[in-house]
């Protein structure tokens, strides 16, 4: 993620939203967030995994 990479917080937010929404619609039972190299990436993953209906 920015500033170390090119991915912005907003772009990561949108990607995690799309992925989480698709998984929930497919009937997933559990979301497991593991090893990430950037705390902001982990933050956005947790945010969307808990807010997608």
N, C-alpha and C. Protein backbone atom coordinates (compact mmCIF):
# COMPACT_ATOMS: atom_id res chain seq x y z
N UNK A 1 0.84 -1.18 0.00
CA UNK A 1 0.00 0.00 0.00
C UNK A 1 0.88 1.24 0.00
N UNK A 2 0.29 2.33 -0.45
CA UNK A 2 0.99 3.60 -0.46
C UNK A 2 1.43 3.95 0.96
N UNK A 3 2.60 4.42 1.22
CA UNK A 3 3.62 4.95 0.33
C UNK A 3 4.63 3.92 -0.15
N UNK A 4 4.58 2.70 0.33
CA UNK A 4 5.54 1.69 -0.11
C UNK A 4 5.18 1.08 -1.46
N UNK A 5 3.90 1.06 -1.78
CA UNK A 5 3.42 0.52 -3.04
C UNK A 5 2.49 1.51 -3.71
N UNK A 6 1.79 1.04 -4.72
CA UNK A 6 0.93 1.95 -5.49
C UNK A 6 -0.54 1.89 -5.07
N UNK A 7 -0.93 0.93 -4.26
CA UNK A 7 -2.32 0.76 -3.86
C UNK A 7 -2.70 1.77 -2.78
N UNK A 8 -3.78 2.53 -3.03
CA UNK A 8 -4.24 3.50 -2.05
C UNK A 8 -5.18 2.82 -1.06
N UNK A 9 -5.44 3.48 0.05
CA UNK A 9 -6.37 2.96 1.05
C UNK A 9 -7.75 2.77 0.43
N UNK A 10 -8.21 3.73 -0.35
CA UNK A 10 -9.53 3.66 -0.97
C UNK A 10 -9.61 2.49 -1.95
N UNK A 11 -8.57 2.26 -2.74
CA UNK A 11 -8.57 1.13 -3.67
C UNK A 11 -8.61 -0.19 -2.92
N UNK A 12 -7.84 -0.29 -1.86
CA UNK A 12 -7.86 -1.51 -1.04
C UNK A 12 -9.23 -1.72 -0.44
N UNK A 13 -9.85 -0.65 0.02
CA UNK A 13 -11.19 -0.68 0.60
C UNK A 13 -12.19 -1.27 -0.39
N UNK A 14 -12.14 -0.80 -1.64
CA UNK A 14 -13.05 -1.27 -2.67
C UNK A 14 -12.79 -2.74 -3.03
N UNK A 15 -11.54 -3.13 -3.10
CA UNK A 15 -11.20 -4.52 -3.43
C UNK A 15 -11.67 -5.47 -2.33
N UNK A 16 -11.39 -5.14 -1.08
CA UNK A 16 -11.83 -5.99 0.03
C UNK A 16 -13.35 -6.06 0.09
N UNK A 17 -14.03 -4.94 -0.21
CA UNK A 17 -15.49 -4.95 -0.23
C UNK A 17 -16.01 -5.94 -1.26
N UNK A 18 -15.51 -5.86 -2.47
CA UNK A 18 -15.95 -6.75 -3.55
C UNK A 18 -15.68 -8.21 -3.21
N UNK A 19 -14.50 -8.49 -2.70
CA UNK A 19 -14.15 -9.87 -2.35
C UNK A 19 -15.01 -10.39 -1.21
N UNK A 20 -15.18 -9.59 -0.18
CA UNK A 20 -15.97 -10.02 0.98
C UNK A 20 -17.43 -10.22 0.61
N UNK A 21 -17.97 -9.31 -0.18
CA UNK A 21 -19.36 -9.42 -0.61
C UNK A 21 -19.58 -10.69 -1.42
N UNK A 22 -18.67 -11.00 -2.33
CA UNK A 22 -18.79 -12.21 -3.15
C UNK A 22 -18.71 -13.47 -2.28
N UNK A 23 -17.82 -13.48 -1.31
CA UNK A 23 -17.70 -14.63 -0.42
C UNK A 23 -18.96 -14.84 0.42
N UNK A 24 -19.52 -13.76 0.93
CA UNK A 24 -20.74 -13.85 1.74
C UNK A 24 -21.90 -14.34 0.89
N UNK A 25 -22.02 -13.82 -0.33
CA UNK A 25 -23.09 -14.25 -1.23
C UNK A 25 -22.95 -15.73 -1.60
N UNK A 26 -21.72 -16.23 -1.60
CA UNK A 26 -21.48 -17.63 -1.92
C UNK A 26 -21.72 -18.55 -0.72
N UNK A 27 -21.97 -17.95 0.46
CA UNK A 27 -22.30 -18.76 1.63
C UNK A 27 -21.13 -19.08 2.54
N UNK A 28 -20.11 -18.27 2.52
CA UNK A 28 -18.95 -18.51 3.38
C UNK A 28 -19.35 -18.50 4.85
N UNK A 29 -18.70 -19.32 5.64
CA UNK A 29 -18.99 -19.42 7.07
C UNK A 29 -18.03 -18.61 7.93
N UNK A 30 -16.83 -18.35 7.42
CA UNK A 30 -15.81 -17.72 8.23
C UNK A 30 -14.88 -16.90 7.36
N UNK A 31 -14.51 -15.74 7.84
CA UNK A 31 -13.49 -14.92 7.17
C UNK A 31 -12.27 -14.92 8.08
N UNK A 32 -11.16 -15.38 7.54
CA UNK A 32 -9.92 -15.47 8.30
C UNK A 32 -8.91 -14.52 7.68
N UNK A 33 -8.54 -13.50 8.42
CA UNK A 33 -7.56 -12.52 7.94
C UNK A 33 -6.22 -12.87 8.57
N UNK A 34 -5.23 -13.12 7.71
CA UNK A 34 -3.93 -13.52 8.24
C UNK A 34 -2.83 -12.64 7.69
N UNK A 35 -1.64 -13.05 7.84
CA UNK A 35 -0.41 -12.31 7.58
C UNK A 35 -0.53 -11.21 6.52
N UNK A 36 -0.33 -9.99 6.96
CA UNK A 36 -0.30 -8.83 6.07
C UNK A 36 0.91 -8.00 6.46
N UNK A 37 1.53 -7.38 5.47
CA UNK A 37 2.76 -6.63 5.74
C UNK A 37 2.51 -5.17 6.11
N UNK A 38 1.29 -4.70 5.97
CA UNK A 38 0.97 -3.30 6.27
C UNK A 38 -0.23 -3.24 7.20
N UNK A 39 -0.12 -2.51 8.28
CA UNK A 39 -1.21 -2.41 9.25
C UNK A 39 -2.44 -1.77 8.63
N UNK A 40 -2.25 -0.86 7.66
CA UNK A 40 -3.40 -0.24 7.00
C UNK A 40 -4.16 -1.25 6.16
N UNK A 41 -3.45 -2.19 5.55
CA UNK A 41 -4.09 -3.25 4.78
C UNK A 41 -4.93 -4.14 5.71
N UNK A 42 -4.38 -4.47 6.85
CA UNK A 42 -5.12 -5.28 7.82
C UNK A 42 -6.34 -4.52 8.32
N UNK A 43 -6.19 -3.23 8.56
CA UNK A 43 -7.30 -2.40 9.04
C UNK A 43 -8.45 -2.41 8.04
N UNK A 44 -8.15 -2.21 6.77
CA UNK A 44 -9.21 -2.18 5.76
C UNK A 44 -9.85 -3.56 5.60
N UNK A 45 -9.09 -4.62 5.73
CA UNK A 45 -9.65 -5.97 5.64
C UNK A 45 -10.64 -6.22 6.78
N UNK A 46 -10.28 -5.82 7.97
CA UNK A 46 -11.17 -5.99 9.13
C UNK A 46 -12.41 -5.12 8.99
N UNK A 47 -12.21 -3.90 8.52
CA UNK A 47 -13.34 -2.99 8.36
C UNK A 47 -14.39 -3.57 7.42
N UNK A 48 -13.99 -4.06 6.27
CA UNK A 48 -14.98 -4.56 5.34
C UNK A 48 -15.49 -5.93 5.68
N UNK A 49 -14.72 -6.74 6.34
CA UNK A 49 -15.24 -8.05 6.70
C UNK A 49 -16.32 -7.94 7.77
N UNK A 50 -16.33 -6.83 8.49
CA UNK A 50 -17.36 -6.66 9.52
C UNK A 50 -18.53 -5.80 9.09
N UNK A 51 -18.42 -5.08 7.98
CA UNK A 51 -19.49 -4.17 7.56
C UNK A 51 -20.30 -4.63 6.36
N UNK A 52 -19.84 -5.61 5.63
CA UNK A 52 -20.59 -6.08 4.46
C UNK A 52 -21.78 -6.90 4.94
N UNK A 53 -22.98 -6.53 4.48
CA UNK A 53 -24.17 -7.29 4.94
C UNK A 53 -24.23 -8.68 4.35
